[in-house]
N, C-alpha and C. Protein backbone atom coordinates (compact mmCIF):
# COMPACT_ATOMS: atom_id res chain seq x y z
N MET A 1 6.30 -4.86 -21.96
CA MET A 1 5.89 -5.81 -22.96
C MET A 1 4.36 -5.95 -22.94
N LYS A 2 3.80 -5.97 -21.75
CA LYS A 2 2.35 -6.10 -21.62
C LYS A 2 1.64 -4.93 -22.31
N GLU A 3 2.17 -3.73 -22.11
CA GLU A 3 1.58 -2.55 -22.73
C GLU A 3 1.71 -2.60 -24.25
N GLN A 4 2.85 -3.08 -24.73
CA GLN A 4 3.06 -3.18 -26.18
C GLN A 4 2.08 -4.17 -26.80
N LEU A 5 1.90 -5.30 -26.14
CA LEU A 5 0.96 -6.29 -26.66
C LEU A 5 -0.46 -5.74 -26.67
N GLU A 6 -0.83 -5.06 -25.61
CA GLU A 6 -2.18 -4.50 -25.55
C GLU A 6 -2.38 -3.42 -26.60
N ALA A 7 -1.35 -2.60 -26.83
CA ALA A 7 -1.44 -1.57 -27.88
C ALA A 7 -1.59 -2.23 -29.25
N ALA A 8 -0.86 -3.31 -29.49
CA ALA A 8 -0.98 -4.02 -30.76
C ALA A 8 -2.37 -4.63 -30.91
N ARG A 9 -2.92 -5.15 -29.83
CA ARG A 9 -4.27 -5.72 -29.89
C ARG A 9 -5.30 -4.66 -30.22
N GLN A 10 -5.18 -3.51 -29.56
CA GLN A 10 -6.14 -2.43 -29.81
C GLN A 10 -6.00 -1.88 -31.22
N ALA A 11 -4.77 -1.84 -31.74
CA ALA A 11 -4.55 -1.34 -33.10
C ALA A 11 -5.20 -2.24 -34.14
N THR A 12 -5.27 -3.53 -33.85
CA THR A 12 -5.88 -4.46 -34.80
C THR A 12 -7.36 -4.70 -34.50
N SER A 13 -7.84 -4.16 -33.40
CA SER A 13 -9.23 -4.36 -32.95
C SER A 13 -9.57 -5.83 -32.79
N ALA A 14 -8.58 -6.64 -32.44
CA ALA A 14 -8.79 -8.07 -32.25
C ALA A 14 -9.45 -8.33 -30.90
N ALA A 15 -10.22 -9.37 -30.84
CA ALA A 15 -10.84 -9.79 -29.57
C ALA A 15 -9.73 -10.26 -28.63
N ILE A 16 -9.92 -10.05 -27.35
CA ILE A 16 -8.91 -10.40 -26.35
C ILE A 16 -8.56 -11.88 -26.43
N GLY A 17 -9.57 -12.74 -26.44
CA GLY A 17 -9.33 -14.18 -26.47
C GLY A 17 -8.58 -14.64 -27.70
N VAL A 18 -8.83 -14.01 -28.82
CA VAL A 18 -8.16 -14.38 -30.07
C VAL A 18 -6.73 -13.85 -30.07
N PHE A 19 -6.55 -12.59 -29.71
CA PHE A 19 -5.22 -11.97 -29.77
C PHE A 19 -4.24 -12.64 -28.82
N TYR A 20 -4.68 -12.93 -27.60
CA TYR A 20 -3.76 -13.47 -26.59
C TYR A 20 -3.60 -14.99 -26.66
N ASP A 21 -4.18 -15.63 -27.65
CA ASP A 21 -4.00 -17.07 -27.86
C ASP A 21 -2.87 -17.26 -28.88
N PRO A 22 -1.70 -17.76 -28.45
CA PRO A 22 -0.57 -17.89 -29.38
C PRO A 22 -0.86 -18.81 -30.56
N ARG A 23 -1.82 -19.71 -30.43
CA ARG A 23 -2.16 -20.60 -31.55
C ARG A 23 -2.92 -19.86 -32.63
N GLN A 24 -3.61 -18.80 -32.24
CA GLN A 24 -4.40 -18.03 -33.21
C GLN A 24 -3.70 -16.75 -33.64
N ASN A 25 -2.63 -16.38 -32.96
CA ASN A 25 -1.93 -15.13 -33.27
C ASN A 25 -0.45 -15.44 -33.47
N ALA A 26 -0.11 -16.00 -34.61
CA ALA A 26 1.27 -16.41 -34.89
C ALA A 26 2.22 -15.22 -34.90
N GLU A 27 1.73 -14.06 -35.30
CA GLU A 27 2.59 -12.87 -35.38
C GLU A 27 3.17 -12.49 -34.01
N HIS A 28 2.39 -12.63 -32.98
CA HIS A 28 2.82 -12.24 -31.63
C HIS A 28 3.01 -13.43 -30.70
N ALA A 29 3.02 -14.63 -31.23
CA ALA A 29 3.10 -15.84 -30.41
C ALA A 29 4.35 -15.85 -29.53
N GLY A 30 5.50 -15.47 -30.07
CA GLY A 30 6.74 -15.45 -29.29
C GLY A 30 6.66 -14.49 -28.13
N ASP A 31 6.13 -13.29 -28.39
CA ASP A 31 6.00 -12.29 -27.32
C ASP A 31 4.98 -12.74 -26.27
N LEU A 32 3.91 -13.38 -26.71
CA LEU A 32 2.90 -13.86 -25.77
C LEU A 32 3.48 -14.94 -24.86
N GLN A 33 4.24 -15.86 -25.44
CA GLN A 33 4.85 -16.92 -24.63
C GLN A 33 5.89 -16.34 -23.68
N ARG A 34 6.67 -15.39 -24.17
CA ARG A 34 7.68 -14.75 -23.31
C ARG A 34 7.00 -14.01 -22.16
N SER A 35 5.94 -13.29 -22.44
CA SER A 35 5.21 -12.56 -21.40
C SER A 35 4.66 -13.53 -20.35
N HIS A 36 4.12 -14.65 -20.81
CA HIS A 36 3.58 -15.65 -19.88
C HIS A 36 4.69 -16.24 -19.02
N ARG A 37 5.84 -16.53 -19.63
CA ARG A 37 6.98 -17.09 -18.89
C ARG A 37 7.50 -16.09 -17.86
N LEU A 38 7.61 -14.82 -18.26
CA LEU A 38 8.08 -13.78 -17.33
C LEU A 38 7.12 -13.60 -16.15
N LYS A 39 5.83 -13.69 -16.44
CA LYS A 39 4.83 -13.58 -15.37
C LYS A 39 5.00 -14.72 -14.37
N GLY A 40 5.25 -15.93 -14.87
CA GLY A 40 5.49 -17.08 -13.99
C GLY A 40 6.74 -16.91 -13.16
N GLU A 41 7.81 -16.39 -13.78
CA GLU A 41 9.05 -16.15 -13.05
C GLU A 41 8.84 -15.11 -11.96
N MET A 42 8.08 -14.07 -12.28
CA MET A 42 7.82 -13.02 -11.29
C MET A 42 7.03 -13.60 -10.10
N ALA A 43 6.05 -14.43 -10.38
CA ALA A 43 5.27 -15.06 -9.29
C ALA A 43 6.17 -15.94 -8.44
N SER A 44 7.07 -16.68 -9.07
CA SER A 44 7.99 -17.55 -8.34
C SER A 44 8.92 -16.73 -7.45
N LEU A 45 9.44 -15.63 -7.99
CA LEU A 45 10.32 -14.77 -7.20
C LEU A 45 9.59 -14.15 -6.02
N MET A 46 8.34 -13.77 -6.22
CA MET A 46 7.56 -13.19 -5.12
C MET A 46 7.32 -14.24 -4.03
N GLN A 47 7.06 -15.48 -4.42
CA GLN A 47 6.88 -16.54 -3.42
C GLN A 47 8.16 -16.77 -2.64
N ARG A 48 9.29 -16.75 -3.34
CA ARG A 48 10.57 -16.93 -2.65
C ARG A 48 10.84 -15.78 -1.70
N ALA A 49 10.52 -14.55 -2.13
CA ALA A 49 10.74 -13.39 -1.27
C ALA A 49 9.85 -13.46 -0.03
N GLU A 50 8.60 -13.90 -0.21
CA GLU A 50 7.71 -14.04 0.94
C GLU A 50 8.23 -15.09 1.91
N ALA A 51 8.70 -16.21 1.38
CA ALA A 51 9.25 -17.27 2.24
C ALA A 51 10.49 -16.78 2.97
N TRP A 52 11.35 -16.05 2.26
CA TRP A 52 12.56 -15.50 2.88
C TRP A 52 12.17 -14.53 3.99
N GLY A 53 11.19 -13.68 3.73
CA GLY A 53 10.75 -12.72 4.74
C GLY A 53 10.17 -13.40 5.96
N ARG A 54 9.36 -14.45 5.75
CA ARG A 54 8.80 -15.19 6.88
C ARG A 54 9.90 -15.86 7.69
N ALA A 55 10.90 -16.42 7.02
CA ALA A 55 12.01 -17.07 7.73
C ALA A 55 12.79 -16.05 8.55
N ALA A 56 13.03 -14.88 7.96
CA ALA A 56 13.77 -13.83 8.68
C ALA A 56 12.97 -13.35 9.88
N LEU A 57 11.66 -13.20 9.72
CA LEU A 57 10.81 -12.76 10.82
C LEU A 57 10.80 -13.79 11.95
N THR A 58 10.72 -15.06 11.59
CA THR A 58 10.75 -16.13 12.59
C THR A 58 12.07 -16.14 13.34
N ALA A 59 13.17 -16.00 12.61
CA ALA A 59 14.50 -15.97 13.25
C ALA A 59 14.62 -14.76 14.17
N ASP A 60 14.10 -13.62 13.73
CA ASP A 60 14.16 -12.41 14.54
C ASP A 60 13.35 -12.58 15.82
N ARG A 61 12.17 -13.18 15.71
CA ARG A 61 11.35 -13.41 16.90
C ARG A 61 12.05 -14.37 17.86
N ARG A 62 12.68 -15.41 17.31
CA ARG A 62 13.39 -16.38 18.15
C ARG A 62 14.56 -15.69 18.86
N ASP A 63 15.32 -14.89 18.11
CA ASP A 63 16.45 -14.18 18.71
C ASP A 63 15.97 -13.21 19.78
N ARG A 64 14.86 -12.53 19.51
CA ARG A 64 14.34 -11.56 20.47
C ARG A 64 13.88 -12.26 21.75
N SER A 65 13.23 -13.41 21.62
CA SER A 65 12.76 -14.11 22.82
C SER A 65 13.94 -14.63 23.63
N GLU A 66 15.00 -15.08 22.95
CA GLU A 66 16.21 -15.51 23.67
C GLU A 66 16.86 -14.32 24.36
N TRP A 67 16.89 -13.17 23.67
CA TRP A 67 17.50 -11.98 24.24
C TRP A 67 16.71 -11.49 25.44
N GLU A 68 15.37 -11.54 25.35
CA GLU A 68 14.55 -11.07 26.45
C GLU A 68 14.66 -11.98 27.67
N ALA A 69 14.99 -13.24 27.46
CA ALA A 69 15.14 -14.18 28.56
C ALA A 69 16.41 -13.92 29.36
N GLU A 70 17.40 -13.32 28.73
CA GLU A 70 18.67 -13.02 29.41
C GLU A 70 18.54 -11.69 30.14
N PRO A 71 19.15 -11.58 31.31
CA PRO A 71 19.11 -10.29 32.01
C PRO A 71 19.93 -9.25 31.23
N GLU A 72 19.47 -8.01 31.30
CA GLU A 72 20.18 -6.94 30.61
C GLU A 72 21.50 -6.66 31.31
N PRO A 73 22.55 -6.39 30.56
CA PRO A 73 23.79 -5.95 31.20
C PRO A 73 23.52 -4.64 31.94
N GLU A 74 24.27 -4.40 32.98
CA GLU A 74 24.02 -3.22 33.81
C GLU A 74 24.04 -1.93 33.01
N GLU A 75 24.95 -1.82 32.05
CA GLU A 75 25.04 -0.56 31.29
C GLU A 75 23.82 -0.34 30.39
N TRP A 76 23.02 -1.36 30.14
CA TRP A 76 21.82 -1.21 29.32
C TRP A 76 20.59 -0.89 30.16
N GLN A 77 20.67 -1.10 31.45
CA GLN A 77 19.50 -0.88 32.29
C GLN A 77 19.22 0.61 32.40
N SER A 78 17.97 0.91 32.53
CA SER A 78 17.58 2.32 32.63
C SER A 78 18.08 2.90 33.95
N PHE A 79 18.19 4.20 33.99
CA PHE A 79 18.64 4.90 35.19
C PHE A 79 17.72 4.57 36.36
N GLU A 80 16.40 4.55 36.09
CA GLU A 80 15.45 4.29 37.16
C GLU A 80 15.64 2.90 37.75
N ARG A 81 15.87 1.92 36.92
CA ARG A 81 16.04 0.55 37.40
C ARG A 81 17.31 0.45 38.25
N ARG A 82 18.39 1.09 37.80
CA ARG A 82 19.63 1.06 38.58
C ARG A 82 19.45 1.78 39.91
N ALA A 83 18.73 2.90 39.89
CA ALA A 83 18.49 3.64 41.13
C ALA A 83 17.65 2.81 42.10
N ASP A 84 16.63 2.14 41.57
CA ASP A 84 15.80 1.27 42.42
C ASP A 84 16.64 0.17 43.04
N THR A 85 17.55 -0.40 42.27
CA THR A 85 18.40 -1.47 42.78
C THR A 85 19.32 -0.94 43.88
N LEU A 86 19.91 0.23 43.65
CA LEU A 86 20.84 0.79 44.61
C LEU A 86 20.16 1.26 45.89
N PHE A 87 18.99 1.87 45.75
CA PHE A 87 18.35 2.49 46.91
C PHE A 87 17.17 1.69 47.44
N GLY A 88 16.96 0.50 46.91
CA GLY A 88 15.95 -0.41 47.46
C GLY A 88 14.52 0.05 47.32
N ALA A 89 14.12 0.47 46.17
CA ALA A 89 12.72 0.88 45.97
C ALA A 89 11.83 -0.28 45.69
């Protein structure tokens, strides 16, 4: 839509401020308002995605710190660690 509006502006050689003002450009006023509304929705969705990502990252860090505080089950320990435990290194 943005490209279509810009192509229409260039075809009419209208000034940017005049063309993109819905009060001065009745022919494209609906498209201009729709484009503005869609841009706002996109910004809102991006903010929500960023918040969701931060929340997921925080939860992952919390889970990881809890996991690191617990001792590893024996089957997860490296061979070297088990050997050190068995042979007293």
